[in-house]
Amino acid sequence: MTAPRWSVVVPAFNEADRLPRYLDEIVGFFDGLGVPYEVIVVDDGSTDGTPDVVEARRHPAVRVLRLGRNSGKGAAVRAGMLAARGAFRLFTDADGATPIAELKRLEPMLAAGADVVIGSRVVVDPAVFVAARPHRVAVGRVFNWCVARLGLRGVADSQCGFKAFTAAAAERLFGRLRTRGFGFDVELLLEAQAAGYRIAEVGVNWADQAGSKVGVLRHGPGMLWQIATARRRRGKAR
């Protein structure tokens, strides 16, 4: 079997309504490219039939990885990334806030030698458009400021759910990941910086979607606690 050039990991918890449109977008994009690929939808203990709507498509490049129970976004992305076989590996949110075609902005950075490429809603680029509610923008800036104080420097937007990795970087970083919840991105990036990986950040088109599973006000304190815990673990491991 030909190894895929790209693996796309989509964590999904009760996404039966929002996922099908984005899944069709992903498949259409890669079928149009004509390169080997795989899509791994990681079902994080859904109760709404999410795995069934994925399997109903019967596309040979798409498969479901079922977790036995709801384990958190970090755990779901980790499972998908470690099950992936692609030379390059992307995780993206099931709501499709970032169009899959934005991958064309990330891939050249990987080809140029980056190990990790972050899609960003903050990096200024006149060619991209970010549609976000003002209060989310304001609270997000405060969250990113707090994250910088906790040790992650030089990254403008740690939380955008559109990140790409080389296979080697993905296997090392996700193999060591311990944060199971929404704060996992920062642990990944802290580990990447400590490992000396080259990290690039690229502006991407992004549009706020209805039905978000995470709110910075609702989940922010817990995310900061997860990040602080991850930083303490790293300190003890040195």
Protein backbone atom coordinates (compact mmCIF):
# COMPACT_ATOMS: atom_id res chain seq x y z
CA MET A 1 0.00 0.00 0.00
CA THR A 2 1.32 3.44 -0.96
CA ALA A 3 2.18 5.53 2.08
CA PRO A 4 0.13 8.74 2.17
CA ARG A 5 1.79 12.07 1.64
CA TRP A 6 -0.72 13.68 4.01
CA SER A 7 -2.58 12.43 7.04
CA VAL A 8 -5.45 14.63 8.24
CA VAL A 9 -6.58 14.03 11.82
CA VAL A 10 -9.99 15.37 12.83
CA PRO A 11 -10.92 15.04 16.52
CA ALA A 12 -14.70 14.78 16.88
CA PHE A 13 -17.02 14.76 19.86
CA ASN A 14 -20.73 14.86 18.99
CA GLU A 15 -20.09 16.39 15.56
CA ALA A 16 -22.72 14.52 13.52
CA ASP A 17 -24.22 17.83 12.35
CA ARG A 18 -21.11 19.87 11.57
CA LEU A 19 -18.57 17.27 10.47
CA PRO A 20 -20.13 15.91 7.23
CA ARG A 21 -19.81 19.18 5.31
CA TYR A 22 -16.18 19.64 6.33
CA LEU A 23 -15.35 15.99 5.70
CA ASP A 24 -16.70 16.33 2.16
CA GLU A 25 -14.57 19.46 1.74
CA ILE A 26 -11.44 17.63 2.88
CA VAL A 27 -12.04 14.66 0.58
CA GLY A 28 -12.83 16.89 -2.40
CA PHE A 29 -9.67 18.93 -1.83
CA PHE A 30 -7.31 15.95 -1.69
CA ASP A 31 -9.02 14.01 -4.47
CA GLY A 32 -8.44 17.10 -6.59
CA LEU A 33 -4.75 17.18 -5.71
CA GLY A 34 -4.27 13.59 -6.78
CA VAL A 35 -1.78 12.72 -4.01
CA PRO A 36 -2.05 9.76 -1.62
CA TYR A 37 -3.74 10.79 1.62
CA GLU A 38 -5.71 9.53 4.57
CA VAL A 39 -8.29 11.13 6.85
CA ILE A 40 -8.57 9.84 10.40
CA VAL A 41 -11.64 10.97 12.29
CA VAL A 42 -11.03 10.29 15.97
CA ASP A 43 -14.38 9.77 17.65
CA ASP A 44 -13.96 10.95 21.22
CA GLY A 45 -16.78 8.98 22.79
CA SER A 46 -19.61 10.64 20.85
CA THR A 47 -23.23 9.82 21.69
CA ASP A 48 -24.86 11.35 18.60
CA GLY A 49 -23.84 8.89 15.88
CA THR A 50 -20.74 10.79 14.70
CA PRO A 51 -18.88 7.59 13.70
CA ASP A 52 -21.87 6.42 11.68
CA VAL A 53 -22.04 9.55 9.51
CA VAL A 54 -18.32 9.15 8.74
CA GLU A 55 -18.49 5.46 7.91
CA ALA A 56 -21.57 6.03 5.73
CA ARG A 57 -19.37 7.85 3.23
CA ARG A 58 -17.44 4.63 2.48
CA HIS A 59 -14.46 6.50 1.11
CA PRO A 60 -11.27 4.38 1.02
CA ALA A 61 -9.12 7.22 2.36
CA VAL A 62 -11.38 7.93 5.35
CA ARG A 63 -11.50 5.91 8.53
CA VAL A 64 -12.78 6.27 12.08
CA LEU A 65 -10.64 5.69 15.15
CA ARG A 66 -12.98 5.17 18.08
CA LEU A 67 -11.96 6.00 21.63
CA GLY A 68 -13.80 4.00 24.25
CA ARG A 69 -14.93 7.06 26.17
CA ASN A 70 -14.73 10.83 26.02
CA SER A 71 -11.08 11.53 26.81
CA GLY A 72 -10.53 15.16 25.74
CA LYS A 73 -9.33 16.87 22.59
CA GLY A 74 -5.65 16.42 23.40
CA ALA A 75 -6.10 12.69 23.88
CA ALA A 76 -8.08 12.42 20.63
CA VAL A 77 -5.54 14.30 18.53
CA ARG A 78 -2.70 12.31 20.09
CA ALA A 79 -4.38 9.01 19.21
CA GLY A 80 -4.95 10.11 15.63
CA MET A 81 -1.46 11.46 15.09
CA LEU A 82 0.18 8.31 16.43
CA ALA A 83 -2.06 6.15 14.21
CA ALA A 84 -1.25 8.24 11.12
CA ARG A 85 1.15 7.13 8.38
CA GLY A 86 1.63 10.30 6.35
CA ALA A 87 4.93 12.03 5.65
CA PHE A 88 3.13 15.23 6.72
CA ARG A 89 0.37 15.28 9.34
CA LEU A 90 -2.28 17.91 9.97
CA PHE A 91 -4.88 18.17 12.68
CA THR A 92 -7.89 20.36 12.07
CA ASP A 93 -11.11 21.09 13.93
CA ALA A 94 -14.30 19.32 12.90
CA ASP A 95 -16.25 22.57 12.54
CA GLY A 96 -14.27 23.60 9.45
CA ALA A 97 -13.45 27.06 10.82
CA THR A 98 -10.27 26.90 8.75
CA PRO A 99 -10.92 25.77 5.15
CA ILE A 100 -8.84 22.73 4.26
CA ALA A 101 -7.47 24.64 1.24
CA GLU A 102 -5.44 26.72 3.72
CA LEU A 103 -3.11 23.73 3.82
CA LYS A 104 -1.52 25.28 0.73
CA ARG A 105 -0.19 28.04 2.99
CA LEU A 106 1.38 25.58 5.41
CA GLU A 107 2.90 22.97 3.10
CA PRO A 108 5.58 25.26 1.56
CA MET A 109 6.95 25.94 5.06
CA LEU A 110 7.30 22.20 5.71
CA ALA A 111 8.96 21.76 2.32
CA ALA A 112 11.37 24.56 3.24
CA GLY A 113 12.49 22.77 6.41
CA ALA A 114 10.01 23.61 9.17
CA ASP A 115 9.14 20.78 11.53
CA VAL A 116 5.93 22.34 12.84
CA VAL A 117 3.71 24.88 11.07
CA ILE A 118 0.97 26.70 12.96
CA GLY A 119 -2.05 28.20 11.28
CA SER A 120 -2.61 31.58 12.89
CA ARG A 121 -5.55 33.96 13.30
CA VAL A 122 -3.23 36.65 14.64
CA VAL A 123 -0.35 36.87 12.15
CA VAL A 124 -1.04 39.84 9.89
CA ASP A 125 -1.48 38.87 6.24
CA PRO A 126 -3.50 41.03 3.83
CA ALA A 127 -4.33 37.90 1.82
CA VAL A 128 -6.32 36.25 4.64
CA PHE A 129 -9.53 37.13 6.42
CA VAL A 130 -10.43 36.24 10.00
CA ALA A 131 -14.06 36.51 11.07
CA ALA A 132 -14.31 36.33 14.85
CA ARG A 133 -16.61 37.86 17.40
CA PRO A 134 -14.94 40.86 19.12
CA HIS A 135 -15.19 39.43 22.63
CA ARG A 136 -13.45 36.22 21.50
CA VAL A 137 -10.63 38.26 19.97
CA ALA A 138 -10.16 40.27 23.17
CA VAL A 139 -10.26 37.29 25.50
CA GLY A 140 -7.99 35.34 23.15
CA ARG A 141 -5.36 38.06 23.35
CA VAL A 142 -5.44 37.92 27.15
CA PHE A 143 -5.14 34.13 27.03
CA ASN A 144 -2.14 34.29 24.69
CA TRP A 145 -0.51 36.87 26.97
CA CYS A 146 -0.95 34.47 29.90
CA VAL A 147 0.46 31.60 27.85
CA ALA A 148 3.56 33.67 27.07
CA ARG A 149 4.03 34.29 30.80
CA LEU A 150 3.90 30.52 31.30
CA GLY A 151 6.86 30.04 28.99
CA LEU A 152 5.68 29.84 25.38
CA ARG A 153 7.39 32.71 23.59
CA GLY A 154 7.39 33.75 19.96
CA VAL A 155 4.00 32.21 19.10
CA ALA A 156 1.17 34.64 18.40
CA ASP A 157 -1.71 32.13 18.31
CA SER A 158 -1.19 28.87 20.15
CA GLN A 159 -4.82 27.72 20.04
CA CYS A 160 -5.80 27.76 16.36
CA GLY A 161 -6.83 24.19 15.57
CA PHE A 162 -4.92 23.92 12.28
CA LYS A 163 -1.37 22.66 12.76
CA ALA A 164 0.91 20.58 10.55
CA PHE A 165 3.94 18.44 11.40
CA THR A 166 6.53 16.29 9.72
CA ALA A 167 6.12 12.61 10.56
CA ALA A 168 9.24 12.61 12.74
CA ALA A 169 8.13 15.67 14.73
CA ALA A 170 4.59 14.32 15.15
CA GLU A 171 5.79 10.97 16.44
CA ARG A 172 8.14 12.52 18.98
CA LEU A 173 5.85 15.32 20.17
CA PHE A 174 2.61 13.36 20.38
CA GLY A 175 4.42 10.39 21.85
CA ARG A 176 5.34 12.60 24.80
CA LEU A 177 2.08 14.53 25.06
CA ARG A 178 0.30 14.16 28.40
CA THR A 179 -2.29 16.96 28.38
CA ARG A 180 -5.64 15.41 27.49
CA GLY A 181 -7.78 18.55 27.37
CA PHE A 182 -7.97 21.76 25.33
CA GLY A 183 -4.62 23.06 26.65
CA PHE A 184 -2.64 20.39 24.78
CA ASP A 185 -1.45 22.74 21.99
CA VAL A 186 0.79 24.67 24.36
CA GLU A 187 2.43 21.55 25.78
CA LEU A 188 3.16 20.45 22.20
CA LEU A 189 4.74 23.77 21.31
CA LEU A 190 6.74 23.97 24.53
CA GLU A 191 8.13 20.51 23.80
CA ALA A 192 8.84 21.48 20.18
CA GLN A 193 10.79 24.54 21.27
CA ALA A 194 12.75 22.52 23.84
CA ALA A 195 13.59 19.93 21.17
CA GLY A 196 14.97 22.64 18.89
CA TYR A 197 12.38 22.08 16.19
CA ARG A 198 11.86 24.79 13.63
CA ILE A 199 8.39 26.29 14.17
CA ALA A 200 6.72 28.50 11.57
CA GLU A 201 3.50 30.48 11.99
CA VAL A 202 1.36 31.32 8.97
CA GLY A 203 -1.77 33.44 8.72
CA VAL A 204 -4.85 31.47 7.60
CA ASN A 205 -8.43 32.26 6.73
CA TRP A 206 -10.68 31.47 9.66
CA ALA A 207 -14.36 32.01 10.43
CA ASP A 208 -16.06 31.61 13.79
CA GLN A 209 -18.54 28.71 13.69
CA ALA A 210 -21.74 28.23 15.65
CA GLY A 211 -21.79 25.42 18.20
CA SER A 212 -18.20 25.70 19.43
CA LYS A 213 -17.24 23.11 22.04
CA VAL A 214 -14.75 25.44 23.73
CA GLY A 215 -15.11 28.91 25.18
CA VAL A 216 -12.12 30.84 26.46
CA LEU A 217 -14.13 32.18 29.40
CA ARG A 218 -15.62 28.78 30.22
CA HIS A 219 -12.55 26.65 29.62
CA GLY A 220 -9.73 29.20 29.83
CA PRO A 221 -8.90 28.78 33.55
CA GLY A 222 -8.74 25.01 33.18
CA MET A 223 -6.58 25.32 30.08
CA LEU A 224 -4.13 27.59 31.90
CA TRP A 225 -3.99 25.05 34.74
CA GLN A 226 -3.24 22.27 32.23
CA ILE A 227 -0.48 24.39 30.71
CA ALA A 228 1.05 25.20 34.11
CA THR A 229 0.95 21.50 35.00
CA ALA A 230 2.67 20.59 31.73
CA ARG A 231 5.36 23.18 32.37
CA ARG A 232 6.01 21.75 35.85
CA ARG A 233 6.29 18.25 34.39
CA ARG A 234 8.85 19.49 31.89
CA GLY A 235 10.83 21.15 34.68
CA LYS A 236 10.95 17.93 36.71
CA ALA A 237 11.98 15.91 33.66
CA ARG A 238 15.11 17.96 33.04
